[in-house]
C-alpha atoms as a PDB file:
ATOM      1  CA  MET A   1      97.613  55.046 123.553  1.00  0.00           C
ATOM      2  CA  GLU A   2      96.917  51.394 123.125  1.00  0.00           C
ATOM      3  CA  VAL A   3      97.811  48.970 120.351  1.00  0.00           C
ATOM      4  CA  HIS A   4      95.673  45.874 119.851  1.00  0.00           C
ATOM      5  CA  LYS A   5      96.008  43.066 117.392  1.00  0.00           C
ATOM      6  CA  VAL A   6      92.392  42.625 116.348  1.00  0.00           C
ATOM      7  CA  SER A   7      90.819  41.542 113.088  1.00  0.00           C
ATOM      8  CA  HIS A   8      87.800  43.823 113.538  1.00  0.00           C
ATOM      9  CA  VAL A   9      88.493  47.594 113.650  1.00  0.00           C
ATOM     10  CA  ASP A  10      85.755  49.936 114.853  1.00  0.00           C
ATOM     11  CA  GLU A  11      86.613  53.189 113.051  1.00  0.00           C
ATOM     12  CA  VAL A  12      83.818  55.146 114.718  1.00  0.00           C
ATOM     13  CA  GLN A  13      85.014  54.150 118.187  1.00  0.00           C
ATOM     14  CA  GLN A  14      88.604  55.012 117.219  1.00  0.00           C
ATOM     15  CA  PHE A  15      87.457  58.471 116.146  1.00  0.00           C
ATOM     16  CA  VAL A  16      85.553  59.062 119.389  1.00  0.00           C
ATOM     17  CA  ASP A  17      88.468  57.789 121.489  1.00  0.00           C
ATOM     18  CA  ALA A  18      91.041  59.922 119.655  1.00  0.00           C
ATOM     19  CA  ARG A  19      88.972  63.100 119.490  1.00  0.00           C
ATOM     20  CA  TRP A  20      90.378  66.228 121.051  1.00  0.00           C
ATOM     21  CA  ILE A  21      88.272  69.299 121.891  1.00  0.00           C
ATOM     22  CA  ALA A  22      89.880  72.723 122.234  1.00  0.00           C
ATOM     23  CA  ALA A  23      88.922  75.075 125.071  1.00  0.00           C
ATOM     24  CA  ARG A  24      86.784  77.280 122.830  1.00  0.00           C
ATOM     25  CA  GLU A  25      84.773  74.374 121.469  1.00  0.00           C
ATOM     26  CA  ALA A  26      84.410  72.908 124.974  1.00  0.00           C
ATOM     27  CA  CYS A  27      82.947  76.175 126.307  1.00  0.00           C
ATOM     28  CA  TRP A  28      80.649  76.415 123.294  1.00  0.00           C
ATOM     29  CA  ARG A  29      79.373  72.893 124.001  1.00  0.00           C
ATOM     30  CA  ILE A  30      79.047  73.458 127.770  1.00  0.00           C
ATOM     31  CA  PHE A  31      76.838  76.509 127.207  1.00  0.00           C
ATOM     32  CA  LYS A  32      74.897  74.556 124.550  1.00  0.00           C
ATOM     33  CA  PHE A  33      75.297  77.176 121.829  1.00  0.00           C
ATOM     34  CA  ASN A  34      74.136  76.276 118.346  1.00  0.00           C
ATOM     35  CA  PHE A  35      76.927  75.178 115.981  1.00  0.00           C
ATOM     36  CA  TYR A  36      75.328  75.280 112.596  1.00  0.00           C
ATOM     37  CA  GLN A  37      72.506  77.776 112.421  1.00  0.00           C
ATOM     38  CA  MET A  38      73.294  81.410 113.073  1.00  0.00           C
ATOM     39  CA  TYR A  39      70.831  84.264 112.897  1.00  0.00           C
ATOM     40  CA  PRO A  40      71.002  86.693 111.327  1.00  0.00           C
ATOM     41  CA  SER A  41      72.855  85.166 108.421  1.00  0.00           C
ATOM     42  CA  MET A  42      75.685  86.998 106.709  1.00  0.00           C
ATOM     43  CA  GLU A  43      75.943  87.676 102.980  1.00  0.00           C
ATOM     44  CA  ARG A  44      79.421  88.235 101.518  1.00  0.00           C
ATOM     45  CA  LEU A  45      79.223  90.978  98.901  1.00  0.00           C
ATOM     46  CA  GLN A  46      81.488  90.823  95.867  1.00  0.00           C
ATOM     47  CA  ILE A  47      83.716  93.720  94.969  1.00  0.00           C
ATOM     48  CA  HIS A  48      85.617  94.202  91.731  1.00  0.00           C
ATOM     49  CA  LEU A  49      86.760  96.900  89.364  1.00  0.00           C
ATOM     50  CA  PRO A  50      84.916  97.422  86.048  1.00  0.00           C
ATOM     51  CA  ASN A  51      85.219  94.344  83.794  1.00  0.00           C
ATOM     52  CA  GLN A  52      87.551  92.607  86.256  1.00  0.00           C
ATOM     53  CA  HIS A  53      85.157  90.168  87.902  1.00  0.00           C
ATOM     54  CA  GLN A  54      85.695  86.423  88.113  1.00  0.00           C
ATOM     55  CA  VAL A  55      83.895  84.255  85.591  1.00  0.00           C
ATOM     56  CA  SER A  56      83.233  80.515  85.861  1.00  0.00           C
ATOM     57  CA  PHE A  57      82.564  78.558  82.697  1.00  0.00           C
ATOM     58  CA  TYR A  58      82.722  75.071  81.218  1.00  0.00           C
ATOM     59  CA  ASP A  59      85.466  73.671  79.004  1.00  0.00           C
ATOM     60  CA  HIS A  60      83.165  73.423  75.988  1.00  0.00           C
ATOM     61  CA  GLN A  61      82.369  77.167  76.030  1.00  0.00           C
ATOM     62  CA  THR A  62      84.391  79.513  73.844  1.00  0.00           C
ATOM     63  CA  ILE A  63      85.744  82.891  74.916  1.00  0.00           C
ATOM     64  CA  PRO A  64      83.629  84.911  72.422  1.00  0.00           C
ATOM     65  CA  GLU A  65      80.530  83.036  73.614  1.00  0.00           C
ATOM     66  CA  ILE A  66      81.334  83.971  77.219  1.00  0.00           C
ATOM     67  CA  LEU A  67      82.130  87.603  76.429  1.00  0.00           C
ATOM     68  CA  ASN A  68      78.894  88.085  74.463  1.00  0.00           C
ATOM     69  CA  ASP A  69      76.632  86.480  77.061  1.00  0.00           C
ATOM     70  CA  ASP A  70      75.054  88.999  79.458  1.00  0.00           C
ATOM     71  CA  TYR A  71      74.707  86.304  82.130  1.00  0.00           C
ATOM     72  CA  PHE A  72      78.473  86.218  82.720  1.00  0.00           C
ATOM     73  CA  SER A  73      78.656  89.972  83.264  1.00  0.00           C
ATOM     74  CA  ARG A  74      76.146  89.870  86.138  1.00  0.00           C
ATOM     75  CA  THR A  75      77.652  90.169  89.594  1.00  0.00           C
ATOM     76  CA  MET A  76      76.273  91.290  92.941  1.00  0.00           C
ATOM     77  CA  LEU A  77      77.843  94.695  92.370  1.00  0.00           C
ATOM     78  CA  THR A  78      76.695  95.250  88.770  1.00  0.00           C
ATOM     79  CA  LYS A  79      73.173  94.129  89.653  1.00  0.00           C
ATOM     80  CA  PHE A  80      73.249  96.534  92.631  1.00  0.00           C
ATOM     81  CA  PHE A  81      73.925  99.350  90.166  1.00  0.00           C
ATOM     82  CA  ALA A  82      71.105  98.083  87.912  1.00  0.00           C
ATOM     83  CA  LEU A  83      68.733  97.894  90.881  1.00  0.00           C
ATOM     84  CA  ASN A  84      69.488 101.535  91.720  1.00  0.00           C
ATOM     85  CA  ARG A  85      68.731 102.602  88.125  1.00  0.00           C
ATOM     86  CA  GLU A  86      65.163 101.296  88.412  1.00  0.00           C
ATOM     87  CA  GLU A  87      62.539 103.810  89.480  1.00  0.00           C
ATOM     88  CA  ASN A  88      60.856 103.688  92.892  1.00  0.00           C
ATOM     89  CA  GLN A  89      63.421 101.339  94.370  1.00  0.00           C
ATOM     90  CA  GLN A  90      64.258 101.512  98.052  1.00  0.00           C
ATOM     91  CA  SER A  91      67.806 100.508  97.150  1.00  0.00           C
ATOM     92  CA  ARG A  92      68.526 104.079  95.975  1.00  0.00           C
ATOM     93  CA  TYR A  93      68.611 105.082  99.650  1.00  0.00           C
ATOM     94  CA  LEU A  94      70.858 102.256 100.803  1.00  0.00           C
ATOM     95  CA  LEU A  95      74.560 101.567 100.991  1.00  0.00           C
ATOM     96  CA  TYR A  96      75.842  98.475  99.191  1.00  0.00           C
ATOM     97  CA  ARG A  97      76.347  96.632 102.486  1.00  0.00           C
ATOM     98  CA  LYS A  98      72.728  97.309 103.523  1.00  0.00           C
ATOM     99  CA  ILE A  99      71.201  95.643 100.436  1.00  0.00           C
ATOM    100  CA  PRO A 100      71.005  92.102 101.980  1.00  0.00           C
ATOM    101  CA  GLU A 101      68.784  93.481 104.755  1.00  0.00           C
ATOM    102  CA  TYR A 102      66.023  94.153 102.214  1.00  0.00           C
ATOM    103  CA  TYR A 103      66.922  92.052  99.158  1.00  0.00           C
ATOM    104  CA  THR A 104      68.058  88.462  98.649  1.00  0.00           C
ATOM    105  CA  TRP A 105      70.618  87.365  96.076  1.00  0.00           C
ATOM    106  CA  HIS A 106      69.439  84.586  93.772  1.00  0.00           C
ATOM    107  CA  ASN A 107      72.623  83.040  92.442  1.00  0.00           C
ATOM    108  CA  LYS A 108      70.991  80.982  89.693  1.00  0.00           C
ATOM    109  CA  GLU A 109      69.368  84.018  88.055  1.00  0.00           C
ATOM    110  CA  LYS A 110      72.067  86.392  89.359  1.00  0.00           C
ATOM    111  CA  GLU A 111      69.470  88.905  90.546  1.00  0.00           C
ATOM    112  CA  TRP A 112      68.635  90.875  93.683  1.00  0.00           C
ATOM    113  CA  CYS A 113      64.986  90.266  94.645  1.00  0.00           C
ATOM    114  CA  TRP A 114      62.920  91.992  97.305  1.00  0.00           C
ATOM    115  CA  CYS A 115      62.731  89.955 100.537  1.00  0.00           C
ATOM    116  CA  LYS A 116      59.261  88.549 101.014  1.00  0.00           C
ATOM    117  CA  THR A 117      59.998  87.239 104.501  1.00  0.00           C
ATOM    118  CA  GLN A 118      61.045  88.943 107.698  1.00  0.00           C
ATOM    119  CA  ARG A 119      64.317  86.995 107.766  1.00  0.00           C
ATOM    120  CA  ARG A 120      67.133  89.445 107.099  1.00  0.00           C
ATOM    121  CA  SER A 121      70.835  89.092 106.348  1.00  0.00           C
ATOM    122  CA  ILE A 122      73.799  91.259 107.233  1.00  0.00           C
ATOM    123  CA  GLY A 123      75.912  92.373 104.277  1.00  0.00           C
ATOM    124  CA  ARG A 124      79.700  92.372 104.457  1.00  0.00           C
ATOM    125  CA  ILE A 125      81.903  93.538 101.600  1.00  0.00           C
ATOM    126  CA  TYR A 126      85.001  91.408 101.118  1.00  0.00           C
ATOM    127  CA  ASN A 127      88.126  92.914 102.679  1.00  0.00           C
ATOM    128  CA  VAL A 128      90.534  94.593 100.301  1.00  0.00           C
ATOM    129  CA  SER A 129      94.127  95.420 101.137  1.00  0.00           C
ATOM    130  CA  PRO A 130      95.336  99.008 100.596  1.00  0.00           C
ATOM    131  CA  SER A 131      98.047  97.519  98.387  1.00  0.00           C
ATOM    132  CA  GLU A 132      95.337  96.664  95.813  1.00  0.00           C
ATOM    133  CA  GLY A 133      95.030 100.365  94.933  1.00  0.00           C
ATOM    134  CA  GLU A 134      91.833 101.342  93.104  1.00  0.00           C
ATOM    135  CA  LYS A 135      89.916  98.324  94.379  1.00  0.00           C
ATOM    136  CA  PHE A 136      90.631  99.461  97.959  1.00  0.00           C
ATOM    137  CA  TYR A 137      89.310 102.966  97.213  1.00  0.00           C
ATOM    138  CA  LEU A 138      86.274 101.475  95.469  1.00  0.00           C
ATOM    139  CA  ARG A 139      85.495  99.565  98.672  1.00  0.00           C
ATOM    140  CA  ILE A 140      85.728 102.790 100.680  1.00  0.00           C
ATOM    141  CA  LEU A 141      83.337 104.521  98.279  1.00  0.00           C
ATOM    142  CA  LEU A 142      80.842 101.643  98.300  1.00  0.00           C
ATOM    143  CA  SER A 143      80.864 101.793 102.102  1.00  0.00           C
ATOM    144  CA  ASN A 144      80.010 105.511 102.093  1.00  0.00           C
ATOM    145  CA  VAL A 145      78.125 106.429  98.889  1.00  0.00           C
ATOM    146  CA  ILE A 146      74.375 105.815  98.917  1.00  0.00           C
ATOM    147  CA  GLY A 147      72.610 104.445  95.827  1.00  0.00           C
ATOM    148  CA  PRO A 148      75.209 104.641  93.029  1.00  0.00           C
ATOM    149  CA  THR A 149      73.805 103.698  89.627  1.00  0.00           C
ATOM    150  CA  SER A 150      77.067 102.928  87.801  1.00  0.00           C
ATOM    151  CA  TRP A 151      80.846 102.994  88.031  1.00  0.00           C
ATOM    152  CA  ASP A 152      80.813 106.541  86.659  1.00  0.00           C
ATOM    153  CA  ASP A 153      78.228 107.580  89.228  1.00  0.00           C
ATOM    154  CA  LEU A 154      80.826 106.781  91.878  1.00  0.00           C
ATOM    155  CA  LEU A 155      83.231 109.223  90.167  1.00  0.00           C
ATOM    156  CA  ILE A 156      80.926 112.184  89.396  1.00  0.00           C
ATOM    157  CA  VAL A 157      79.835 114.858  91.862  1.00  0.00           C
ATOM    158  CA  ASN A 158      78.343 118.260  90.987  1.00  0.00           C
ATOM    159  CA  GLY A 159      79.099 117.669  87.297  1.00  0.00           C
ATOM    160  CA  VAL A 160      82.805 117.079  87.938  1.00  0.00           C
ATOM    161  CA  LYS A 161      84.159 113.660  86.974  1.00  0.00           C
ATOM    162  CA  TYR A 162      87.183 112.406  88.862  1.00  0.00           C
ATOM    163  CA  SER A 163      89.639 110.163  87.054  1.00  0.00           C
ATOM    164  CA  SER A 164      90.078 107.587  89.819  1.00  0.00           C
ATOM    165  CA  PHE A 165      88.310 106.198  92.852  1.00  0.00           C
ATOM    166  CA  LYS A 166      91.217 107.447  94.990  1.00  0.00           C
ATOM    167  CA  GLN A 167      90.745 111.053  93.852  1.00  0.00           C
ATOM    168  CA  PHE A 168      87.024 110.895  94.540  1.00  0.00           C
ATOM    169  CA  ALA A 169      87.610 109.361  97.992  1.00  0.00           C
ATOM    170  CA  GLN A 170      90.055 112.174  98.753  1.00  0.00           C
ATOM    171  CA  TYR A 171      87.514 114.761  97.569  1.00  0.00           C
ATOM    172  CA  ARG A 172      84.871 113.219  99.857  1.00  0.00           C
ATOM    173  CA  ARG A 173      87.443 113.280 102.724  1.00  0.00           C
ATOM    174  CA  LEU A 174      87.133 109.550 103.259  1.00  0.00           C
ATOM    175  CA  LEU A 175      90.906 109.101 103.470  1.00  0.00           C
ATOM    176  CA  GLU A 176      93.145 110.140 106.282  1.00  0.00           C
ATOM    177  CA  SER A 177      96.188 112.189 105.426  1.00  0.00           C
ATOM    178  CA  ASP A 178      99.605 111.750 106.984  1.00  0.00           C
ATOM    179  CA  SER A 179      99.082 115.011 108.881  1.00  0.00           C
ATOM    180  CA  SER A 180      96.013 113.594 110.666  1.00  0.00           C
ATOM    181  CA  ILE A 181      97.998 110.512 111.721  1.00  0.00           C
ATOM    182  CA  TYR A 182     100.848 112.750 112.920  1.00  0.00           C
ATOM    183  CA  ALA A 183      98.395 114.939 114.885  1.00  0.00           C
ATOM    184  CA  CYS A 184      96.942 111.808 116.507  1.00  0.00           C
ATOM    185  CA  LEU A 185     100.409 110.647 117.600  1.00  0.00           C
ATOM    186  CA  VAL A 186     101.254 114.116 118.958  1.00  0.00           C
ATOM    187  CA  GLU A 187      97.999 114.185 120.911  1.00  0.00           C
ATOM    188  CA  ALA A 188      98.675 110.716 122.346  1.00  0.00           C
ATOM    189  CA  SER A 189     102.232 111.672 123.387  1.00  0.00           C
ATOM    190  CA  VAL A 190     101.030 114.829 125.169  1.00  0.00           C
ATOM    191  CA  LEU A 191      98.524 112.952 127.299  1.00  0.00           C
END
């Protein structure tokens, strides 16, 4: 480190001189990998319980105005359900996380639109902790149920409606029980 008494300070040169590069970044630069453009791109898919999505609005808007406007109720998930309700849609045969491979999300209109190009995205549903209860089980269902058309569609099978996402996930055997974990530990201890 050097200290100089100079009237002119070159901030750019100071930045370059004081820059530190970690081992990971150094390797990335040595192998000349691209920093900013990754292909395929990744689309983060929203997840929320019914009527519990985040809403952004301006100070001048009133709560009744927001609640009565259909635009604020549109989310990636609700529009996925709406897309599946339309006839002759390929989305009816897809999982929620597969939608970005065939459709693009237009945030301004809040709509899924069919991809017109060959450029595809990978869909990833936001992580949800098991401590968040029903939202966690909803994520499990969205990762395994093809083409749901509504929240209720995720809860109904063979005419039987389950009261919670957890019950339906248990019915579909998407959850491990304590006995399966115990059997796994016993098997590992025997080997």
